[in-house]
Amino acid sequence: TQESQLEQNKFIVRRAIEEGWNPANLAVIDELYAADFLFHQESGEA
């Protein structure tokens, strides 16, 4: 359902931050992010 897809998407975002970013766990980042990922920094740089 759309609701369960939204909950799954939220879970993935939480996991990316809590398990990937906070400890800089590159294995989790490899698992969750696409090869052509684009990160926009606060400075405006990408």
PDB file of all heavy atoms in Angstrom:
ATOM      1  N   THR A   1       0.835  -1.192   0.000  1.00  0.00           N
ATOM      2  CA  THR A   1       0.000   0.000   0.000  1.00  0.00           C
ATOM      3  C   THR A   1       0.873   1.247   0.000  1.00  0.00           C
ATOM      4  O   THR A   1       2.053   1.196   0.354  1.00  0.00           O
ATOM      5  CB  THR A   1      -0.916   0.032   1.237  1.00  0.00           C
ATOM      6  OG1 THR A   1      -0.105   0.208   2.397  1.00  0.00           O
ATOM      7  CG2 THR A   1      -1.761  -1.224   1.349  1.00  0.00           C
ATOM      8  N   GLN A   2       0.281   2.367  -0.355  1.00  0.00           N
ATOM      9  CA  GLN A   2       1.030   3.627  -0.353  1.00  0.00           C
ATOM     10  C   GLN A   2       1.506   3.954   1.065  1.00  0.00           C
ATOM     11  O   GLN A   2       2.634   4.402   1.253  1.00  0.00           O
ATOM     12  CB  GLN A   2       0.184   4.766  -0.893  1.00  0.00           C
ATOM     13  CG  GLN A   2       0.943   6.081  -0.935  1.00  0.00           C
ATOM     14  CD  GLN A   2       0.124   7.236  -1.472  1.00  0.00           C
ATOM     15  OE1 GLN A   2      -1.057   7.100  -1.733  1.00  0.00           O
ATOM     16  NE2 GLN A   2       0.752   8.368  -1.652  1.00  0.00           N
ATOM     17  N   GLU A   3       0.666   3.700   2.052  1.00  0.00           N
ATOM     18  CA  GLU A   3       1.048   3.981   3.436  1.00  0.00           C
ATOM     19  C   GLU A   3       2.239   3.131   3.873  1.00  0.00           C
ATOM     20  O   GLU A   3       3.174   3.639   4.490  1.00  0.00           O
ATOM     21  CB  GLU A   3      -0.128   3.747   4.381  1.00  0.00           C
ATOM     22  CG  GLU A   3       0.177   4.130   5.809  1.00  0.00           C
ATOM     23  CD  GLU A   3      -1.028   4.006   6.715  1.00  0.00           C
ATOM     24  OE1 GLU A   3      -2.156   4.227   6.253  1.00  0.00           O
ATOM     25  OE2 GLU A   3      -0.809   3.679   7.898  1.00  0.00           O
ATOM     26  N   SER A   4       2.225   1.851   3.529  1.00  0.00           N
ATOM     27  CA  SER A   4       3.352   1.003   3.933  1.00  0.00           C
ATOM     28  C   SER A   4       4.626   1.383   3.174  1.00  0.00           C
ATOM     29  O   SER A   4       5.724   1.294   3.726  1.00  0.00           O
ATOM     30  CB  SER A   4       3.027  -0.480   3.758  1.00  0.00           C
ATOM     31  OG  SER A   4       2.779  -0.795   2.411  1.00  0.00           O
ATOM     32  N   GLN A   5       4.494   1.839   1.930  1.00  0.00           N
ATOM     33  CA  GLN A   5       5.659   2.307   1.173  1.00  0.00           C
ATOM     34  C   GLN A   5       6.248   3.558   1.808  1.00  0.00           C
ATOM     35  O   GLN A   5       7.463   3.686   1.934  1.00  0.00           O
ATOM     36  CB  GLN A   5       5.291   2.597  -0.289  1.00  0.00           C
ATOM     37  CG  GLN A   5       6.465   3.060  -1.135  1.00  0.00           C
ATOM     38  CD  GLN A   5       7.540   2.007  -1.267  1.00  0.00           C
ATOM     39  OE1 GLN A   5       7.252   0.873  -1.614  1.00  0.00           O
ATOM     40  NE2 GLN A   5       8.777   2.364  -0.979  1.00  0.00           N
ATOM     41  N   LEU A   6       5.381   4.460   2.259  1.00  0.00           N
ATOM     42  CA  LEU A   6       5.857   5.673   2.930  1.00  0.00           C
ATOM     43  C   LEU A   6       6.578   5.323   4.227  1.00  0.00           C
ATOM     44  O   LEU A   6       7.626   5.900   4.530  1.00  0.00           O
ATOM     45  CB  LEU A   6       4.687   6.619   3.208  1.00  0.00           C
ATOM     46  CG  LEU A   6       4.030   7.258   1.993  1.00  0.00           C
ATOM     47  CD1 LEU A   6       2.799   8.053   2.410  1.00  0.00           C
ATOM     48  CD2 LEU A   6       4.996   8.123   1.227  1.00  0.00           C
ATOM     49  N   GLU A   7       6.042   4.382   4.991  1.00  0.00           N
ATOM     50  CA  GLU A   7       6.695   3.960   6.234  1.00  0.00           C
ATOM     51  C   GLU A   7       8.043   3.303   5.948  1.00  0.00           C
ATOM     52  O   GLU A   7       9.011   3.509   6.680  1.00  0.00           O
ATOM     53  CB  GLU A   7       5.785   3.034   7.039  1.00  0.00           C
ATOM     54  CG  GLU A   7       4.592   3.735   7.646  1.00  0.00           C
ATOM     55  CD  GLU A   7       4.968   4.936   8.499  1.00  0.00           C
ATOM     56  OE1 GLU A   7       5.884   4.817   9.341  1.00  0.00           O
ATOM     57  OE2 GLU A   7       4.353   6.003   8.322  1.00  0.00           O
ATOM     58  N   GLN A   8       8.108   2.511   4.881  1.00  0.00           N
ATOM     59  CA  GLN A   8       9.383   1.882   4.504  1.00  0.00           C
ATOM     60  C   GLN A   8      10.404   2.942   4.104  1.00  0.00           C
ATOM     61  O   GLN A   8      11.572   2.862   4.487  1.00  0.00           O
ATOM     62  CB  GLN A   8       9.185   0.893   3.366  1.00  0.00           C
ATOM     63  CG  GLN A   8      10.466   0.176   2.987  1.00  0.00           C
ATOM     64  CD  GLN A   8      10.251  -0.870   1.906  1.00  0.00           C
ATOM     65  OE1 GLN A   8       9.134  -1.189   1.535  1.00  0.00           O
ATOM     66  NE2 GLN A   8      11.335  -1.400   1.396  1.00  0.00           N
ATOM     67  N   ASN A   9       9.970   3.951   3.365  1.00  0.00           N
ATOM     68  CA  ASN A   9      10.869   5.040   2.975  1.00  0.00           C
ATOM     69  C   ASN A   9      11.398   5.785   4.197  1.00  0.00           C
ATOM     70  O   ASN A   9      12.583   6.111   4.275  1.00  0.00           O
ATOM     71  CB  ASN A   9      10.155   6.013   2.038  1.00  0.00           C
ATOM     72  CG  ASN A   9       9.875   5.414   0.680  1.00  0.00           C
ATOM     73  OD1 ASN A   9      10.413   4.377   0.310  1.00  0.00           O
ATOM     74  ND2 ASN A   9       8.993   6.061  -0.070  1.00  0.00           N
ATOM     75  N   LYS A  10      10.534   6.045   5.178  1.00  0.00           N
ATOM     76  CA  LYS A  10      10.965   6.706   6.415  1.00  0.00           C
ATOM     77  C   LYS A  10      11.978   5.849   7.164  1.00  0.00           C
ATOM     78  O   LYS A  10      12.966   6.359   7.700  1.00  0.00           O
ATOM     79  CB  LYS A  10       9.763   6.991   7.316  1.00  0.00           C
ATOM     80  CG  LYS A  10       8.844   8.070   6.785  1.00  0.00           C
ATOM     81  CD  LYS A  10       7.670   8.222   7.733  1.00  0.00           C
ATOM     82  CE  LYS A  10       6.635   9.182   7.242  1.00  0.00           C
ATOM     83  NZ  LYS A  10       5.514   9.318   8.196  1.00  0.00           N
ATOM     84  N   PHE A  11      11.741   4.549   7.199  1.00  0.00           N
ATOM     85  CA  PHE A  11      12.663   3.629   7.865  1.00  0.00           C
ATOM     86  C   PHE A  11      14.047   3.683   7.216  1.00  0.00           C
ATOM     87  O   PHE A  11      15.069   3.733   7.894  1.00  0.00           O
ATOM     88  CB  PHE A  11      12.106   2.203   7.817  1.00  0.00           C
ATOM     89  CG  PHE A  11      13.059   1.168   8.337  1.00  0.00           C
ATOM     90  CD1 PHE A  11      13.212   0.967   9.699  1.00  0.00           C
ATOM     91  CD2 PHE A  11      13.809   0.399   7.463  1.00  0.00           C
ATOM     92  CE1 PHE A  11      14.104   0.015  10.185  1.00  0.00           C
ATOM     93  CE2 PHE A  11      14.699  -0.552   7.929  1.00  0.00           C
ATOM     94  CZ  PHE A  11      14.850  -0.740   9.297  1.00  0.00           C
ATOM     95  N   ILE A  12      14.075   3.720   5.883  1.00  0.00           N
ATOM     96  CA  ILE A  12      15.341   3.772   5.157  1.00  0.00           C
ATOM     97  C   ILE A  12      16.090   5.071   5.474  1.00  0.00           C
ATOM     98  O   ILE A  12      17.299   5.062   5.697  1.00  0.00           O
ATOM     99  CB  ILE A  12      15.120   3.608   3.640  1.00  0.00           C
ATOM    100  CG1 ILE A  12      14.666   2.172   3.344  1.00  0.00           C
ATOM    101  CG2 ILE A  12      16.377   3.954   2.848  1.00  0.00           C
ATOM    102  CD1 ILE A  12      14.147   1.965   1.936  1.00  0.00           C
ATOM    103  N   VAL A  13      15.376   6.187   5.512  1.00  0.00           N
ATOM    104  CA  VAL A  13      16.010   7.470   5.825  1.00  0.00           C
ATOM    105  C   VAL A  13      16.567   7.457   7.248  1.00  0.00           C
ATOM    106  O   VAL A  13      17.702   7.865   7.487  1.00  0.00           O
ATOM    107  CB  VAL A  13      15.021   8.639   5.631  1.00  0.00           C
ATOM    108  CG1 VAL A  13      15.582   9.933   6.199  1.00  0.00           C
ATOM    109  CG2 VAL A  13      14.687   8.800   4.157  1.00  0.00           C
ATOM    110  N   ARG A  14      15.777   6.954   8.197  1.00  0.00           N
ATOM    111  CA  ARG A  14      16.267   6.864   9.582  1.00  0.00           C
ATOM    112  C   ARG A  14      17.520   6.001   9.655  1.00  0.00           C
ATOM    113  O   ARG A  14      18.488   6.345  10.331  1.00  0.00           O
ATOM    114  CB  ARG A  14      15.185   6.276  10.485  1.00  0.00           C
ATOM    115  CG  ARG A  14      14.178   7.259  10.939  1.00  0.00           C
ATOM    116  CD  ARG A  14      13.287   6.670  12.035  1.00  0.00           C
ATOM    117  NE  ARG A  14      12.205   7.581  12.314  1.00  0.00           N
ATOM    118  CZ  ARG A  14      11.012   7.528  11.735  1.00  0.00           C
ATOM    119  NH1 ARG A  14      10.723   6.576  10.879  1.00  0.00           N
ATOM    120  NH2 ARG A  14      10.090   8.412  12.035  1.00  0.00           N
ATOM    121  N   ARG A  15      17.492   4.876   8.982  1.00  0.00           N
ATOM    122  CA  ARG A  15      18.631   3.963   9.005  1.00  0.00           C
ATOM    123  C   ARG A  15      19.865   4.622   8.383  1.00  0.00           C
ATOM    124  O   ARG A  15      20.977   4.479   8.897  1.00  0.00           O
ATOM    125  CB  ARG A  15      18.281   2.677   8.267  1.00  0.00           C
ATOM    126  CG  ARG A  15      19.348   1.662   8.379  1.00  0.00           C
ATOM    127  CD  ARG A  15      18.874   0.278   8.000  1.00  0.00           C
ATOM    128  NE  ARG A  15      20.045  -0.572   8.079  1.00  0.00           N
ATOM    129  CZ  ARG A  15      20.521  -1.273   7.069  1.00  0.00           C
ATOM    130  NH1 ARG A  15      19.882  -1.309   5.919  1.00  0.00           N
ATOM    131  NH2 ARG A  15      21.623  -1.972   7.209  1.00  0.00           N
ATOM    132  N   ALA A  16      19.672   5.330   7.291  1.00  0.00           N
ATOM    133  CA  ALA A  16      20.795   6.006   6.637  1.00  0.00           C
ATOM    134  C   ALA A  16      21.472   6.982   7.581  1.00  0.00           C
ATOM    135  O   ALA A  16      22.709   7.041   7.646  1.00  0.00           O
ATOM    136  CB  ALA A  16      20.308   6.730   5.381  1.00  0.00           C
ATOM    137  N   ILE A  17      20.685   7.722   8.347  1.00  0.00           N
ATOM    138  CA  ILE A  17      21.252   8.702   9.276  1.00  0.00           C
ATOM    139  C   ILE A  17      21.799   8.027  10.523  1.00  0.00           C
ATOM    140  O   ILE A  17      22.949   8.238  10.916  1.00  0.00           O
ATOM    141  CB  ILE A  17      20.207   9.769   9.655  1.00  0.00           C
ATOM    142  CG1 ILE A  17      19.716  10.528   8.420  1.00  0.00           C
ATOM    143  CG2 ILE A  17      20.760  10.726  10.710  1.00  0.00           C
ATOM    144  CD1 ILE A  17      20.789  11.240   7.624  1.00  0.00           C
ATOM    145  N   GLU A  18      20.986   7.193  11.168  1.00  0.00           N
ATOM    146  CA  GLU A  18      21.365   6.616  12.454  1.00  0.00           C
ATOM    147  C   GLU A  18      22.454   5.552  12.352  1.00  0.00           C
ATOM    148  O   GLU A  18      23.299   5.441  13.229  1.00  0.00           O
ATOM    149  CB  GLU A  18      20.130   6.057  13.155  1.00  0.00           C
ATOM    150  CG  GLU A  18      19.163   7.167  13.555  1.00  0.00           C
ATOM    151  CD  GLU A  18      17.807   6.668  14.012  1.00  0.00           C
ATOM    152  OE1 GLU A  18      17.583   5.439  14.069  1.00  0.00           O
ATOM    153  OE2 GLU A  18      16.955   7.527  14.317  1.00  0.00           O
ATOM    154  N   GLU A  19      22.441   4.764  11.279  1.00  0.00           N
ATOM    155  CA  GLU A  19      23.442   3.703  11.130  1.00  0.00           C
ATOM    156  C   GLU A  19      24.542   4.051  10.141  1.00  0.00           C
ATOM    157  O   GLU A  19      25.625   3.471  10.195  1.00  0.00           O
ATOM    158  CB  GLU A  19      22.773   2.405  10.670  1.00  0.00           C
ATOM    159  CG  GLU A  19      21.804   1.813  11.670  1.00  0.00           C
ATOM    160  CD  GLU A  19      21.143   0.553  11.142  1.00  0.00           C
ATOM    161  OE1 GLU A  19      21.773  -0.194  10.345  1.00  0.00           O
ATOM    162  OE2 GLU A  19      19.980   0.313  11.513  1.00  0.00           O
ATOM    163  N   GLY A  20      24.261   4.967   9.230  1.00  0.00           N
ATOM    164  CA  GLY A  20      25.236   5.326   8.205  1.00  0.00           C
ATOM    165  C   GLY A  20      26.005   6.587   8.525  1.00  0.00           C
ATOM    166  O   GLY A  20      27.224   6.576   8.600  1.00  0.00           O
ATOM    167  N   TRP A  21      25.292   7.687   8.730  1.00  0.00           N
ATOM    168  CA  TRP A  21      25.946   8.976   8.953  1.00  0.00           C
ATOM    169  C   TRP A  21      26.587   9.077  10.316  1.00  0.00           C
ATOM    170  O   TRP A  21      27.719   9.534  10.432  1.00  0.00           O
ATOM    171  CB  TRP A  21      24.922  10.103   8.811  1.00  0.00           C
ATOM    172  CG  TRP A  21      24.574  10.448   7.413  1.00  0.00           C
ATOM    173  CD1 TRP A  21      24.160   9.589   6.446  1.00  0.00           C
ATOM    174  CD2 TRP A  21      24.587  11.730   6.834  1.00  0.00           C
ATOM    175  NE1 TRP A  21      23.901  10.274   5.297  1.00  0.00           N
ATOM    176  CE2 TRP A  21      24.153  11.589   5.508  1.00  0.00           C
ATOM    177  CE3 TRP A  21      24.901  12.982   7.319  1.00  0.00           C
ATOM    178  CZ2 TRP A  21      24.045  12.680   4.648  1.00  0.00           C
ATOM    179  CZ3 TRP A  21      24.789  14.059   6.466  1.00  0.00           C
ATOM    180  CH2 TRP A  21      24.370  13.906   5.144  1.00  0.00           C
ATOM    181  N   ASN A  22      25.849   8.739  11.367  1.00  0.00           N
ATOM    182  CA  ASN A  22      26.373   8.973  12.716  1.00  0.00           C
ATOM    183  C   ASN A  22      27.694   8.261  12.967  1.00  0.00           C
ATOM    184  O   ASN A  22      28.621   8.878  13.458  1.00  0.00           O
ATOM    185  CB  ASN A  22      25.327   8.657  13.781  1.00  0.00           C
ATOM    186  CG  ASN A  22      24.354   9.808  13.950  1.00  0.00           C
ATOM    187  OD1 ASN A  22      24.717  10.958  13.813  1.00  0.00           O
ATOM    188  ND2 ASN A  22      23.108   9.496  14.232  1.00  0.00           N
ATOM    189  N   PRO A  23      27.813   6.992  12.640  1.00  0.00           N
ATOM    190  CA  PRO A  23      29.129   6.382  12.816  1.00  0.00           C
ATOM    191  C   PRO A  23      29.983   6.424  11.555  1.00  0.00           C
ATOM    192  O   PRO A  23      31.069   5.869  11.532  1.00  0.00           O
ATOM    193  CB  PRO A  23      28.782   4.932  13.171  1.00  0.00           C
ATOM    194  CG  PRO A  23      27.505   4.668  12.426  1.00  0.00           C
ATOM    195  CD  PRO A  23      26.775   5.992  12.430  1.00  0.00           C
ATOM    196  N   ALA A  24      29.496   7.083  10.489  1.00  0.00           N
ATOM    197  CA  ALA A  24      30.149   7.061   9.173  1.00  0.00           C
ATOM    198  C   ALA A  24      30.425   5.620   8.758  1.00  0.00           C
ATOM    199  O   ALA A  24      31.522   5.258   8.365  1.00  0.00           O
ATOM    200  CB  ALA A  24      31.421   7.896   9.151  1.00  0.00           C
ATOM    201  N   ASN A  25      29.382   4.798   8.842  1.00  0.00           N
ATOM    202  CA  ASN A  25      29.465   3.389   8.482  1.00  0.00           C
ATOM    203  C   ASN A  25      29.331   3.267   6.962  1.00  0.00           C
ATOM    204  O   ASN A  25      28.226   3.311   6.417  1.00  0.00           O
ATOM    205  CB  ASN A  25      28.358   2.611   9.194  1.00  0.00           C
ATOM    206  CG  ASN A  25      28.440   1.129   8.945  1.00  0.00           C
ATOM    207  OD1 ASN A  25      29.029   0.671   7.975  1.00  0.00           O
ATOM    208  ND2 ASN A  25      27.831   0.369   9.837  1.00  0.00           N
ATOM    209  N   LEU A  26      30.456   3.116   6.293  1.00  0.00           N
ATOM    210  CA  LEU A  26      30.464   3.110   4.828  1.00  0.00           C
ATOM    211  C   LEU A  26      29.754   1.897   4.253  1.00  0.00           C
ATOM    212  O   LEU A  26      29.218   1.970   3.145  1.00  0.00           O
ATOM    213  CB  LEU A  26      31.902   3.203   4.319  1.00  0.00           C
ATOM    214  CG  LEU A  26      32.677   4.446   4.780  1.00  0.00           C
ATOM    215  CD1 LEU A  26      34.052   4.478   4.132  1.00  0.00           C
ATOM    216  CD2 LEU A  26      31.918   5.731   4.507  1.00  0.00           C
ATOM    217  N   ALA A  27      29.674   0.790   4.980  1.00  0.00           N
ATOM    218  CA  ALA A  27      28.958  -0.392   4.492  1.00  0.00           C
ATOM    219  C   ALA A  27      27.465  -0.101   4.384  1.00  0.00           C
ATOM    220  O   ALA A  27      26.817  -0.500   3.411  1.00  0.00           O
ATOM    221  CB  ALA A  27      29.209  -1.586   5.412  1.00  0.00           C
ATOM    222  N   VAL A  28      26.900   0.611   5.356  1.00  0.00           N
ATOM    223  CA  VAL A  28      25.485   0.979   5.296  1.00  0.00           C
ATOM    224  C   VAL A  28      25.254   1.977   4.170  1.00  0.00           C
ATOM    225  O   VAL A  28      24.273   1.886   3.434  1.00  0.00           O
ATOM    226  CB  VAL A  28      25.002   1.546   6.651  1.00  0.00           C
ATOM    227  CG1 VAL A  28      23.596   2.127   6.544  1.00  0.00           C
ATOM    228  CG2 VAL A  28      25.036   0.457   7.709  1.00  0.00           C
ATOM    229  N   ILE A  29      26.169   2.907   4.005  1.00  0.00           N
ATOM    230  CA  ILE A  29      26.048   3.880   2.920  1.00  0.00           C
ATOM    231  C   ILE A  29      26.100   3.168   1.568  1.00  0.00           C
ATOM    232  O   ILE A  29      25.308   3.458   0.678  1.00  0.00           O
ATOM    233  CB  ILE A  29      27.118   4.980   3.067  1.00  0.00           C
ATOM    234  CG1 ILE A  29      26.768   5.828   4.296  1.00  0.00           C
ATOM    235  CG2 ILE A  29      27.224   5.833   1.815  1.00  0.00           C
ATOM    236  CD1 ILE A  29      27.821   6.797   4.727  1.00  0.00           C
ATOM    237  N   ASP A  30      26.997   2.197   1.418  1.00  0.00           N
ATOM    238  CA  ASP A  30      27.040   1.401   0.184  1.00  0.00           C
ATOM    239  C   ASP A  30      25.722   0.689  -0.070  1.00  0.00           C
ATOM    240  O   ASP A  30      25.266   0.581  -1.208  1.00  0.00           O
ATOM    241  CB  ASP A  30      28.152   0.345   0.263  1.00  0.00           C
ATOM    242  CG  ASP A  30      29.515   0.899  -0.073  1.00  0.00           C
ATOM    243  OD1 ASP A  30      29.597   1.887  -0.823  1.00  0.00           O
ATOM    244  OD2 ASP A  30      30.505   0.322   0.404  1.00  0.00           O
ATOM    245  N   GLU A  31      25.116   0.195   0.992  1.00  0.00           N
ATOM    246  CA  GLU A  31      23.868  -0.568   0.868  1.00  0.00           C
ATOM    247  C   GLU A  31      22.679   0.314   0.488  1.00  0.00           C
ATOM    248  O   GLU A  31      21.836  -0.097  -0.309  1.00  0.00           O
ATOM    249  CB  GLU A  31      23.578  -1.266   2.203  1.00  0.00           C
ATOM    250  CG  GLU A  31      22.299  -2.047   2.231  1.00  0.00           C
ATOM    251  CD  GLU A  31      21.989  -2.614   3.601  1.00  0.00           C
ATOM    252  OE1 GLU A  31      22.896  -2.716   4.458  1.00  0.00           O
ATOM    253  OE2 GLU A  31      20.810  -2.957   3.819  1.00  0.00           O
ATOM    254  N   LEU A  32      22.611   1.522   1.020  1.00  0.00           N
ATOM    255  CA  LEU A  32      21.405   2.334   0.882  1.00  0.00           C
ATOM    256  C   LEU A  32      21.451   3.404  -0.205  1.00  0.00           C
ATOM    257  O   LEU A  32      20.410   3.864  -0.646  1.00  0.00           O
ATOM    258  CB  LEU A  32      21.081   3.007   2.223  1.00  0.00           C
ATOM    259  CG  LEU A  32      20.761   2.070   3.381  1.00  0.00           C
ATOM    260  CD1 LEU A  32      20.506   2.874   4.650  1.00  0.00           C
ATOM    261  CD2 LEU A  32      19.568   1.192   3.059  1.00  0.00           C
ATOM    262  N   TYR A  33      22.634   3.818  -0.614  1.00  0.00           N
ATOM    263  CA  TYR A  33      22.744   4.929  -1.563  1.00  0.00           C
ATOM    264  C   TYR A  33      23.069   4.430  -2.968  1.00  0.00           C
ATOM    265  O   TYR A  33      23.803   3.469  -3.137  1.00  0.00           O
ATOM    266  CB  TYR A  33      23.839   5.905  -1.112  1.00  0.00           C
ATOM    267  CG  TYR A  33      23.461   6.708   0.105  1.00  0.00           C
ATOM    268  CD1 TYR A  33      23.502   6.156   1.374  1.00  0.00           C
ATOM    269  CD2 TYR A  33      23.067   8.031  -0.021  1.00  0.00           C
ATOM    270  CE1 TYR A  33      23.153   6.891   2.499  1.00  0.00           C
ATOM    271  CE2 TYR A  33      22.718   8.786   1.104  1.00  0.00           C
ATOM    272  CZ  TYR A  33      22.763   8.196   2.353  1.00  0.00           C
ATOM    273  OH  TYR A  33      22.422   8.930   3.463  1.00  0.00           O
ATOM    274  N   ALA A  34      22.557   5.132  -3.957  1.00  0.00           N
ATOM    275  CA  ALA A  34      22.823   4.805  -5.357  1.00  0.00           C
ATOM    276  C   ALA A  34      24.217   5.296  -5.756  1.00  0.00           C
ATOM    277  O   ALA A  34      24.748   6.246  -5.170  1.00  0.00           O
ATOM    278  CB  ALA A  34      21.780   5.468  -6.260  1.00  0.00           C
ATOM    279  N   ALA A  35      24.793   4.659  -6.755  1.00  0.00           N
ATOM    280  CA  ALA A  35      26.140   5.013  -7.221  1.00  0.00           C
ATOM    281  C   ALA A  35      26.207   6.464  -7.706  1.00  0.00           C
ATOM    282  O   ALA A  35      27.233   7.124  -7.569  1.00  0.00           O
ATOM    283  CB  ALA A  35      26.583   4.068  -8.326  1.00  0.00           C
ATOM    284  N   ASP A  36      25.093   6.986  -8.247  1.00  0.00           N
ATOM    285  CA  ASP A  36      25.086   8.358  -8.762  1.00  0.00           C
ATOM    286  C   ASP A  36      24.445   9.341  -7.775  1.00  0.00           C
ATOM    287  O   ASP A  36      23.955  10.402  -8.156  1.00  0.00           O
ATOM    288  CB  ASP A  36      24.389   8.416 -10.115  1.00  0.00           C
ATOM    289  CG  ASP A  36      22.941   7.955 -10.058  1.00  0.00           C
ATOM    290  OD1 ASP A  36      22.502   7.412  -9.013  1.00  0.00           O
ATOM    291  OD2 ASP A  36      22.234   8.125 -11.070  1.00  0.00           O
ATOM    292  N   PHE A  37      24.486   8.994  -6.490  1.00  0.00           N
ATOM    293  CA  PHE A  37      23.946   9.835  -5.418  1.00  0.00           C
ATOM    294  C   PHE A  37      24.506  11.249  -5.516  1.00  0.00           C
ATOM    295  O   PHE A  37      25.680  11.456  -5.797  1.00  0.00           O
ATOM    296  CB  PHE A  37      24.309   9.195  -4.072  1.00  0.00           C
ATOM    297  CG  PHE A  37      23.970  10.020  -2.870  1.00  0.00           C
ATOM    298  CD1 PHE A  37      22.658  10.238  -2.502  1.00  0.00           C
ATOM    299  CD2 PHE A  37      24.971  10.568  -2.095  1.00  0.00           C
ATOM    300  CE1 PHE A  37      22.343  10.990  -1.376  1.00  0.00           C
ATOM    301  CE2 PHE A  37      24.668  11.319  -0.966  1.00  0.00           C
ATOM    302  CZ  PHE A  37      23.354  11.533  -0.613  1.00  0.00           C
ATOM    303  N   LEU A  38      23.661  12.233  -5.276  1.00  0.00           N
ATOM    304  CA  LEU A  38      24.064  13.637  -5.296  1.00  0.00           C
ATOM    305  C   LEU A  38      23.698  14.258  -3.958  1.00  0.00           C
ATOM    306  O   LEU A  38      22.532  14.266  -3.567  1.00  0.00           O
ATOM    307  CB  LEU A  38      23.362  14.381  -6.433  1.00  0.00           C
ATOM    308  CG  LEU A  38      23.604  15.874  -6.552  1.00  0.00           C
ATOM    309  CD1 LEU A  38      25.074  16.181  -6.794  1.00  0.00           C
ATOM    310  CD2 LEU A  38      22.745  16.457  -7.661  1.00  0.00           C
ATOM    311  N   PHE A  39      24.691  14.750  -3.230  1.00  0.00           N
ATOM    312  CA  PHE A  39      24.488  15.355  -1.923  1.00  0.00           C
ATOM    313  C   PHE A  39      24.691  16.851  -2.015  1.00  0.00           C
ATOM    314  O   PHE A  39      25.750  17.320  -2.424  1.00  0.00           O
ATOM    315  CB  PHE A  39      25.475  14.751  -0.907  1.00  0.00           C
ATOM    316  CG  PHE A  39      25.428  15.381   0.446  1.00  0.00           C
ATOM    317  CD1 PHE A  39      24.299  15.274   1.241  1.00  0.00           C
ATOM    318  CD2 PHE A  39      26.508  16.085   0.931  1.00  0.00           C
ATOM    319  CE1 PHE A  39      24.257  15.857   2.506  1.00  0.00           C
ATOM    320  CE2 PHE A  39      26.479  16.667   2.196  1.00  0.00           C
ATOM    321  CZ  PHE A  39      25.349  16.558   2.978  1.00  0.00           C
ATOM    322  N   HIS A  40      23.658  17.606  -1.644  1.00  0.00           N
ATOM    323  CA  HIS A  40      23.734  19.060  -1.651  1.00  0.00           C
ATOM    324  C   HIS A  40      24.111  19.538  -0.257  1.00  0.00           C
ATOM    325  O   HIS A  40      23.385  19.313   0.699  1.00  0.00           O
ATOM    326  CB  HIS A  40      22.390  19.673  -2.063  1.00  0.00           C
ATOM    327  CG  HIS A  40      21.981  19.322  -3.443  1.00  0.00           C
ATOM    328  ND1 HIS A  40      22.423  20.020  -4.533  1.00  0.00           N
ATOM    329  CD2 HIS A  40      21.207  18.325  -3.920  1.00  0.00           C
ATOM    330  CE1 HIS A  40      21.912  19.481  -5.624  1.00  0.00           C
ATOM    331  NE2 HIS A  40      21.175  18.456  -5.282  1.00  0.00           N
ATOM    332  N   GLN A  41      25.250  20.184  -0.152  1.00  0.00           N
ATOM    333  CA  GLN A  41      25.724  20.710   1.128  1.00  0.00           C
ATOM    334  C   GLN A  41      25.059  22.048   1.429  1.00  0.00           C
ATOM    335  O   GLN A  41      24.561  22.721   0.532  1.00  0.00           O
ATOM    336  CB  GLN A  41      27.236  20.893   1.074  1.00  0.00           C
ATOM    337  CG  GLN A  41      27.991  19.607   0.821  1.00  0.00           C
ATOM    338  CD  GLN A  41      29.465  19.865   0.790  1.00  0.00           C
ATOM    339  OE1 GLN A  41      30.038  20.311   1.773  1.00  0.00           O
ATOM    340  NE2 GLN A  41      30.088  19.608  -0.340  1.00  0.00           N
ATOM    341  N   GLU A  42      25.097  22.417   2.705  1.00  0.00           N
ATOM    342  CA  GLU A  42      24.532  23.703   3.124  1.00  0.00           C
ATOM    343  C   GLU A  42      25.219  24.869   2.424  1.00  0.00           C
ATOM    344  O   GLU A  42      24.629  25.916   2.207  1.00  0.00           O
ATOM    345  CB  GLU A  42      24.646  23.883   4.646  1.00  0.00           C
ATOM    346  CG  GLU A  42      23.789  22.925   5.434  1.00  0.00           C
ATOM    347  CD  GLU A  42      24.471  21.586   5.684  1.00  0.00           C
ATOM    348  OE1 GLU A  42      25.640  21.388   5.280  1.00  0.00           O
ATOM    349  OE2 GLU A  42      23.816  20.714   6.266  1.00  0.00           O
ATOM    350  N   SER A  43      26.473  24.691   2.063  1.00  0.00           N
ATOM    351  CA  SER A  43      27.238  25.754   1.396  1.00  0.00           C
ATOM    352  C   SER A  43      26.767  26.000  -0.033  1.00  0.00           C
ATOM    353  O   SER A  43      27.165  26.973  -0.650  1.00  0.00           O
ATOM    354  CB  SER A  43      28.719  25.375   1.360  1.00  0.00           C
ATOM    355  OG  SER A  43      28.913  24.241   0.521  1.00  0.00           O
ATOM    356  N   GLY A  44      25.944  25.101  -0.545  1.00  0.00           N
ATOM    357  CA  GLY A  44      25.485  25.209  -1.923  1.00  0.00           C
ATOM    358  C   GLY A  44      26.274  24.325  -2.870  1.00  0.00           C
ATOM    359  O   GLY A  44      25.871  24.113  -4.011  1.00  0.00           O
ATOM    360  N   GLU A  45      27.407  23.822  -2.399  1.00  0.00           N
ATOM    361  CA  GLU A  45      28.201  22.920  -3.226  1.00  0.00           C
ATOM    362  C   GLU A  45      27.577  21.530  -3.209  1.00  0.00           C
ATOM    363  O   GLU A  45      26.847  21.174  -2.291  1.00  0.00           O
ATOM    364  CB  GLU A  45      29.637  22.861  -2.717  1.00  0.00           C
ATOM    365  CG  GLU A  45      30.358  24.189  -2.836  1.00  0.00           C
ATOM    366  CD  GLU A  45      31.782  24.103  -2.343  1.00  0.00           C
ATOM    367  OE1 GLU A  45      32.433  23.068  -2.574  1.00  0.00           O
ATOM    368  OE2 GLU A  45      32.234  25.067  -1.715  1.00  0.00           O
ATOM    369  N   ALA A  46      27.894  20.737  -4.217  1.00  0.00           N
ATOM    370  CA  ALA A  46      27.356  19.388  -4.314  1.00  0.00           C
ATOM    371  C   ALA A  46      28.490  18.365  -4.314  1.00  0.00           C
ATOM    372  O   ALA A  46      29.566  18.620  -4.850  1.00  0.00           O
ATOM    373  CB  ALA A  46      26.534  19.238  -5.584  1.00  0.00           C
TER     374      ALA A  46
END
